[in-house]
Amino acid sequence: DGAVTVNRYLLQNGDHKALALYWYQGRGRIE
């Protein structure tokens, strides 16, 4: 649907790490 801007987070929980992407989508927008 085209390029979008999202949040990128590097997370850690004890010995575990993860990469998260999140965004809000609705009413004709991605924010």
All heavy atoms as atom14 arrays in JSON, in Angstrom:
{
  "sequence": "DGAVTVNRYLLQNGDHKALALYWYQGRGRIE",
  "atom14_mask": [
    [1, 1, 1, 1, 1, 1, 1, 1, 0, 0, 0, 0, 0, 0],
    [1, 1, 1, 1, 0, 0, 0, 0, 0, 0, 0, 0, 0, 0],
    [1, 1, 1, 1, 1, 0, 0, 0, 0, 0, 0, 0, 0, 0],
    [1, 1, 1, 1, 1, 1, 1, 0, 0, 0, 0, 0, 0, 0],
    [1, 1, 1, 1, 1, 1, 1, 0, 0, 0, 0, 0, 0, 0],
    [1, 1, 1, 1, 1, 1, 1, 0, 0, 0, 0, 0, 0, 0],
    [1, 1, 1, 1, 1, 1, 1, 1, 0, 0, 0, 0, 0, 0],
    [1, 1, 1, 1, 1, 1, 1, 1, 1, 1, 1, 0, 0, 0],
    [1, 1, 1, 1, 1, 1, 1, 1, 1, 1, 1, 1, 0, 0],
    [1, 1, 1, 1, 1, 1, 1, 1, 0, 0, 0, 0, 0, 0],
    [1, 1, 1, 1, 1, 1, 1, 1, 0, 0, 0, 0, 0, 0],
    [1, 1, 1, 1, 1, 1, 1, 1, 1, 0, 0, 0, 0, 0],
    [1, 1, 1, 1, 1, 1, 1, 1, 0, 0, 0, 0, 0, 0],
    [1, 1, 1, 1, 0, 0, 0, 0, 0, 0, 0, 0, 0, 0],
    [1, 1, 1, 1, 1, 1, 1, 1, 0, 0, 0, 0, 0, 0],
    [1, 1, 1, 1, 1, 1, 1, 1, 1, 1, 0, 0, 0, 0],
    [1, 1, 1, 1, 1, 1, 1, 1, 1, 0, 0, 0, 0, 0],
    [1, 1, 1, 1, 1, 0, 0, 0, 0, 0, 0, 0, 0, 0],
    [1, 1, 1, 1, 1, 1, 1, 1, 0, 0, 0, 0, 0, 0],
    [1, 1, 1, 1, 1, 0, 0, 0, 0, 0, 0, 0, 0, 0],
    [1, 1, 1, 1, 1, 1, 1, 1, 0, 0, 0, 0, 0, 0],
    [1, 1, 1, 1, 1, 1, 1, 1, 1, 1, 1, 1, 0, 0],
    [1, 1, 1, 1, 1, 1, 1, 1, 1, 1, 1, 1, 1, 1],
    [1, 1, 1, 1, 1, 1, 1, 1, 1, 1, 1, 1, 0, 0],
    [1, 1, 1, 1, 1, 1, 1, 1, 1, 0, 0, 0, 0, 0],
    [1, 1, 1, 1, 0, 0, 0, 0, 0, 0, 0, 0, 0, 0],
    [1, 1, 1, 1, 1, 1, 1, 1, 1, 1, 1, 0, 0, 0],
    [1, 1, 1, 1, 0, 0, 0, 0, 0, 0, 0, 0, 0, 0],
    [1, 1, 1, 1, 1, 1, 1, 1, 1, 1, 1, 0, 0, 0],
    [1, 1, 1, 1, 1, 1, 1, 1, 0, 0, 0, 0, 0, 0],
    [1, 1, 1, 1, 1, 1, 1, 1, 1, 0, 0, 0, 0, 0]
  ],
  "atom14_positions": [
    [[0.81, -1.21, 0.0], [0.0, 0.0, 0.0], [0.85, 1.27, 0.0], [0.33, 2.37, 0.16], [-0.92, 0.02, 1.22], [-2.01, -1.03, 1.14], [-2.25, -1.55, 0.03], [-2.64, -1.32, 2.17], [0.0, 0.0, 0.0], [0.0, 0.0, 0.0], [0.0, 0.0, 0.0], [0.0, 0.0, 0.0], [0.0, 0.0, 0.0], [0.0, 0.0, 0.0]],
    [[2.17, 1.12, -0.17], [3.07, 2.27, -0.14], [3.9, 2.29, 1.13], [3.67, 1.51, 2.06], [0.0, 0.0, 0.0], [0.0, 0.0, 0.0], [0.0, 0.0, 0.0], [0.0, 0.0, 0.0], [0.0, 0.0, 0.0], [0.0, 0.0, 0.0], [0.0, 0.0, 0.0], [0.0, 0.0, 0.0], [0.0, 0.0, 0.0], [0.0, 0.0, 0.0]],
    [[4.88, 3.19, 1.17], [5.77, 3.28, 2.34], [5.02, 3.84, 3.54], [4.19, 4.74, 3.4], [6.97, 4.17, 2.01], [0.0, 0.0, 0.0], [0.0, 0.0, 0.0], [0.0, 0.0, 0.0], [0.0, 0.0, 0.0], [0.0, 0.0, 0.0], [0.0, 0.0, 0.0], [0.0, 0.0, 0.0], [0.0, 0.0, 0.0], [0.0, 0.0, 0.0]],
    [[5.29, 3.27, 4.73], [4.66, 3.73, 5.96], [5.73, 3.9, 7.04], [6.78, 3.26, 7.0], [3.57, 2.75, 6.45], [2.47, 2.59, 5.41], [4.18, 1.39, 6.79], [0.0, 0.0, 0.0], [0.0, 0.0, 0.0], [0.0, 0.0, 0.0], [0.0, 0.0, 0.0], [0.0, 0.0, 0.0], [0.0, 0.0, 0.0], [0.0, 0.0, 0.0]],
    [[5.44, 4.77, 7.99], [6.34, 5.0, 9.12], [5.8, 4.28, 10.33], [4.63, 4.43, 10.69], [6.47, 6.5, 9.43], [6.96, 7.18, 8.27], [7.43, 6.73, 10.58], [0.0, 0.0, 0.0], [0.0, 0.0, 0.0], [0.0, 0.0, 0.0], [0.0, 0.0, 0.0], [0.0, 0.0, 0.0], [0.0, 0.0, 0.0], [0.0, 0.0, 0.0]],
    [[6.67, 3.48, 10.98], [6.27, 2.7, 12.15], [7.29, 2.9, 13.26], [8.37, 3.46, 13.03], [6.14, 1.2, 11.8], [5.15, 0.99, 10.66], [7.5, 0.6, 11.44], [0.0, 0.0, 0.0], [0.0, 0.0, 0.0], [0.0, 0.0, 0.0], [0.0, 0.0, 0.0], [0.0, 0.0, 0.0], [0.0, 0.0, 0.0], [0.0, 0.0, 0.0]],
    [[6.96, 2.43, 14.45], [7.88, 2.49, 15.58], [8.74, 1.23, 15.61], [8.22, 0.12, 15.49], [7.11, 2.6, 16.9], [6.38, 3.92, 17.02], [6.99, 4.98, 17.01], [5.05, 3.86, 17.12], [0.0, 0.0, 0.0], [0.0, 0.0, 0.0], [0.0, 0.0, 0.0], [0.0, 0.0, 0.0], [0.0, 0.0, 0.0], [0.0, 0.0, 0.0]],
    [[10.04, 1.43, 15.81], [10.98, 0.31, 15.95], [11.56, 0.33, 17.35], [12.12, 1.34, 17.79], [12.09, 0.42, 14.91], [13.26, -0.54, 15.14], [14.29, -0.44, 14.04], [15.51, -1.17, 14.36], [16.47, -1.48, 13.49], [16.35, -1.11, 12.22], [17.54, -2.15, 13.86], [0.0, 0.0, 0.0], [0.0, 0.0, 0.0], [0.0, 0.0, 0.0]],
    [[11.41, -0.78, 18.09], [11.89, -0.88, 19.46], [12.83, -2.09, 19.6], [12.49, -3.19, 19.13], [10.73, -1.06, 20.43], [10.18, 0.25, 20.97], [9.53, 1.15, 20.13], [10.3, 0.59, 22.31], [9.02, 2.33, 20.61], [9.8, 1.78, 22.81], [9.16, 2.64, 21.95], [8.66, 3.83, 22.43], [0.0, 0.0, 0.0], [0.0, 0.0, 0.0]],
    [[13.95, -1.88, 20.25], [14.83, -2.97, 20.68], [14.52, -3.23, 22.14], [14.61, -2.32, 22.98], [16.3, -2.6, 20.5], [17.32, -3.62, 21.03], [17.19, -4.95, 20.3], [18.74, -3.07, 20.91], [0.0, 0.0, 0.0], [0.0, 0.0, 0.0], [0.0, 0.0, 0.0], [0.0, 0.0, 0.0], [0.0, 0.0, 0.0], [0.0, 0.0, 0.0]],
    [[14.13, -4.48, 22.47], [13.65, -4.82, 23.81], [14.52, -5.88, 24.46], [15.15, -6.71, 23.77], [12.21, -5.33, 23.72], [11.2, -4.42, 23.02], [9.9, -5.17, 22.79], [10.96, -3.16, 23.83], [0.0, 0.0, 0.0], [0.0, 0.0, 0.0], [0.0, 0.0, 0.0], [0.0, 0.0, 0.0], [0.0, 0.0, 0.0], [0.0, 0.0, 0.0]],
    [[14.52, -5.87, 25.78], [15.24, -6.9, 26.53], [14.42, -7.29, 27.75], [13.84, -6.45, 28.43], [16.62, -6.41, 26.99], [17.42, -7.47, 27.73], [18.88, -7.09, 27.91], [19.34, -6.08, 27.39], [19.62, -7.89, 28.64], [0.0, 0.0, 0.0], [0.0, 0.0, 0.0], [0.0, 0.0, 0.0], [0.0, 0.0, 0.0], [0.0, 0.0, 0.0]],
    [[14.37, -8.6, 27.99], [13.71, -9.16, 29.17], [14.63, -10.25, 29.71], [14.67, -11.35, 29.19], [12.34, -9.74, 28.79], [11.55, -10.17, 30.02], [12.09, -10.32, 31.11], [10.25, -10.36, 29.83], [0.0, 0.0, 0.0], [0.0, 0.0, 0.0], [0.0, 0.0, 0.0], [0.0, 0.0, 0.0], [0.0, 0.0, 0.0], [0.0, 0.0, 0.0]],
    [[15.38, -9.91, 30.73], [16.38, -10.84, 31.24], [17.45, -11.1, 30.19], [18.09, -10.17, 29.69], [0.0, 0.0, 0.0], [0.0, 0.0, 0.0], [0.0, 0.0, 0.0], [0.0, 0.0, 0.0], [0.0, 0.0, 0.0], [0.0, 0.0, 0.0], [0.0, 0.0, 0.0], [0.0, 0.0, 0.0], [0.0, 0.0, 0.0], [0.0, 0.0, 0.0]],
    [[17.63, -12.37, 29.84], [18.63, -12.73, 28.83], [18.07, -12.71, 27.41], [18.79, -13.0, 26.46], [19.19, -14.13, 29.11], [19.96, -14.19, 30.43], [20.53, -13.15, 30.82], [19.98, -15.27, 31.05], [0.0, 0.0, 0.0], [0.0, 0.0, 0.0], [0.0, 0.0, 0.0], [0.0, 0.0, 0.0], [0.0, 0.0, 0.0], [0.0, 0.0, 0.0]],
    [[16.81, -12.37, 27.27], [16.16, -12.42, 25.96], [16.05, -11.02, 25.37], [15.72, -10.05, 26.06], [14.76, -13.04, 26.08], [14.77, -14.42, 26.66], [15.17, -15.53, 25.95], [14.42, -14.86, 27.9], [15.08, -16.6, 26.7], [14.62, -16.22, 27.9], [0.0, 0.0, 0.0], [0.0, 0.0, 0.0], [0.0, 0.0, 0.0], [0.0, 0.0, 0.0]],
    [[16.3, -10.94, 24.06], [16.12, -9.68, 23.33], [15.14, -9.91, 22.18], [15.03, -11.02, 21.66], [17.46, -9.16, 22.78], [18.38, -8.61, 23.85], [19.63, -7.98, 23.21], [20.53, -7.37, 24.27], [21.72, -6.73, 23.67], [0.0, 0.0, 0.0], [0.0, 0.0, 0.0], [0.0, 0.0, 0.0], [0.0, 0.0, 0.0], [0.0, 0.0, 0.0]],
    [[14.46, -8.84, 21.81], [13.5, -8.93, 20.71], [13.43, -7.6, 20.0], [13.78, -6.54, 20.55], [12.13, -9.34, 21.24], [0.0, 0.0, 0.0], [0.0, 0.0, 0.0], [0.0, 0.0, 0.0], [0.0, 0.0, 0.0], [0.0, 0.0, 0.0], [0.0, 0.0, 0.0], [0.0, 0.0, 0.0], [0.0, 0.0, 0.0], [0.0, 0.0, 0.0]],
    [[12.97, -7.64, 18.77], [12.77, -6.45, 17.95], [11.27, -6.31, 17.71], [10.62, -7.26, 17.26], [13.53, -6.59, 16.63], [13.7, -5.42, 15.67], [12.41, -5.06, 14.95], [14.27, -4.21, 16.38], [0.0, 0.0, 0.0], [0.0, 0.0, 0.0], [0.0, 0.0, 0.0], [0.0, 0.0, 0.0], [0.0, 0.0, 0.0], [0.0, 0.0, 0.0]],
    [[10.73, -5.15, 18.02], [9.3, -4.92, 17.84], [9.05, -3.77, 16.87], [9.76, -2.77, 16.89], [8.63, -4.61, 19.18], [0.0, 0.0, 0.0], [0.0, 0.0, 0.0], [0.0, 0.0, 0.0], [0.0, 0.0, 0.0], [0.0, 0.0, 0.0], [0.0, 0.0, 0.0], [0.0, 0.0, 0.0], [0.0, 0.0, 0.0], [0.0, 0.0, 0.0]],
    [[8.08, -3.94, 16.02], [7.53, -2.86, 15.2], [6.06, -2.71, 15.59], [5.36, -3.7, 15.75], [7.61, -3.19, 13.7], [8.99, -3.4, 13.07], [8.83, -3.68, 11.58], [9.89, -2.2, 13.28], [0.0, 0.0, 0.0], [0.0, 0.0, 0.0], [0.0, 0.0, 0.0], [0.0, 0.0, 0.0], [0.0, 0.0, 0.0], [0.0, 0.0, 0.0]],
    [[5.61, -1.46, 15.75], [4.19, -1.27, 15.99], [3.73, 0.06, 15.42], [4.5, 0.99, 15.23], [3.84, -1.4, 17.48], [4.19, -0.22, 18.36], [3.29, 0.85, 18.54], [5.39, -0.17, 19.05], [3.6, 1.91, 19.36], [5.71, 0.88, 19.88], [4.8, 1.92, 20.03], [5.11, 2.98, 20.85], [0.0, 0.0, 0.0], [0.0, 0.0, 0.0]],
    [[2.43, 0.1, 15.14], [1.82, 1.31, 14.57], [0.32, 1.28, 14.82], [-0.25, 0.28, 15.26], [2.12, 1.4, 13.07], [1.53, 0.3, 12.24], [0.3, 0.27, 11.62], [2.14, -0.96, 11.94], [0.11, -0.91, 10.95], [1.23, -1.69, 11.13], [3.36, -1.54, 12.27], [1.51, -2.97, 10.66], [3.65, -2.83, 11.8], [2.73, -3.51, 11.0]],
    [[-0.31, 2.41, 14.56], [-1.76, 2.56, 14.7], [-2.36, 2.69, 13.29], [-1.87, 3.46, 12.48], [-2.1, 3.8, 15.52], [-1.52, 3.76, 16.91], [-0.19, 4.15, 17.16], [-2.27, 3.31, 17.99], [0.35, 4.1, 18.42], [-1.73, 3.26, 19.27], [-0.42, 3.66, 19.48], [0.12, 3.6, 20.73], [0.0, 0.0, 0.0], [0.0, 0.0, 0.0]],
    [[-3.44, 1.94, 13.05], [-4.0, 1.89, 11.7], [-5.51, 2.0, 11.77], [-6.18, 1.24, 12.47], [-3.59, 0.58, 11.03], [-3.96, 0.47, 9.56], [-3.25, -0.69, 8.87], [-2.29, -1.26, 9.4], [-3.7, -1.04, 7.69], [0.0, 0.0, 0.0], [0.0, 0.0, 0.0], [0.0, 0.0, 0.0], [0.0, 0.0, 0.0], [0.0, 0.0, 0.0]],
    [[-6.05, 2.98, 11.04], [-7.5, 3.13, 11.03], [-7.92, 4.49, 10.52], [-7.14, 5.44, 10.49], [0.0, 0.0, 0.0], [0.0, 0.0, 0.0], [0.0, 0.0, 0.0], [0.0, 0.0, 0.0], [0.0, 0.0, 0.0], [0.0, 0.0, 0.0], [0.0, 0.0, 0.0], [0.0, 0.0, 0.0], [0.0, 0.0, 0.0], [0.0, 0.0, 0.0]],
    [[-9.17, 4.57, 10.09], [-9.76, 5.81, 9.6], [-8.93, 6.42, 8.48], [-8.77, 7.63, 8.37], [-9.96, 6.82, 10.74], [-10.73, 6.26, 11.93], [-11.12, 7.32, 12.94], [-10.03, 8.14, 13.38], [-9.14, 7.79, 14.32], [-9.24, 6.61, 14.91], [-8.17, 8.61, 14.69], [0.0, 0.0, 0.0], [0.0, 0.0, 0.0], [0.0, 0.0, 0.0]],
    [[-8.36, 5.54, 7.63], [-7.61, 5.99, 6.47], [-6.18, 6.39, 6.74], [-5.53, 6.96, 5.86], [0.0, 0.0, 0.0], [0.0, 0.0, 0.0], [0.0, 0.0, 0.0], [0.0, 0.0, 0.0], [0.0, 0.0, 0.0], [0.0, 0.0, 0.0], [0.0, 0.0, 0.0], [0.0, 0.0, 0.0], [0.0, 0.0, 0.0], [0.0, 0.0, 0.0]],
    [[-5.66, 6.09, 7.93], [-4.3, 6.51, 8.28], [-3.49, 5.36, 8.86], [-4.04, 4.44, 9.45], [-4.32, 7.63, 9.32], [-5.11, 8.87, 8.96], [-4.96, 9.9, 10.07], [-5.82, 11.05, 9.85], [-7.05, 11.17, 10.33], [-7.57, 10.19, 11.06], [-7.78, 12.25, 10.1], [0.0, 0.0, 0.0], [0.0, 0.0, 0.0], [0.0, 0.0, 0.0]],
    [[-2.17, 5.48, 8.71], [-1.22, 4.67, 9.46], [-0.28, 5.65, 10.14], [0.34, 6.49, 9.47], [-0.45, 3.71, 8.55], [-1.4, 2.65, 7.98], [0.69, 3.04, 9.31], [-0.75, 1.72, 6.99], [0.0, 0.0, 0.0], [0.0, 0.0, 0.0], [0.0, 0.0, 0.0], [0.0, 0.0, 0.0], [0.0, 0.0, 0.0], [0.0, 0.0, 0.0]],
    [[-0.2, 5.57, 11.47], [0.56, 6.58, 12.22], [1.4, 5.9, 13.29], [1.0, 4.91, 13.89], [-0.42, 7.58, 12.86], [0.23, 8.73, 13.61], [1.17, 9.53, 12.74], [0.71, 10.14, 11.76], [2.39, 9.52, 13.03], [0.0, 0.0, 0.0], [0.0, 0.0, 0.0], [0.0, 0.0, 0.0], [0.0, 0.0, 0.0], [0.0, 0.0, 0.0]]
  ]
}
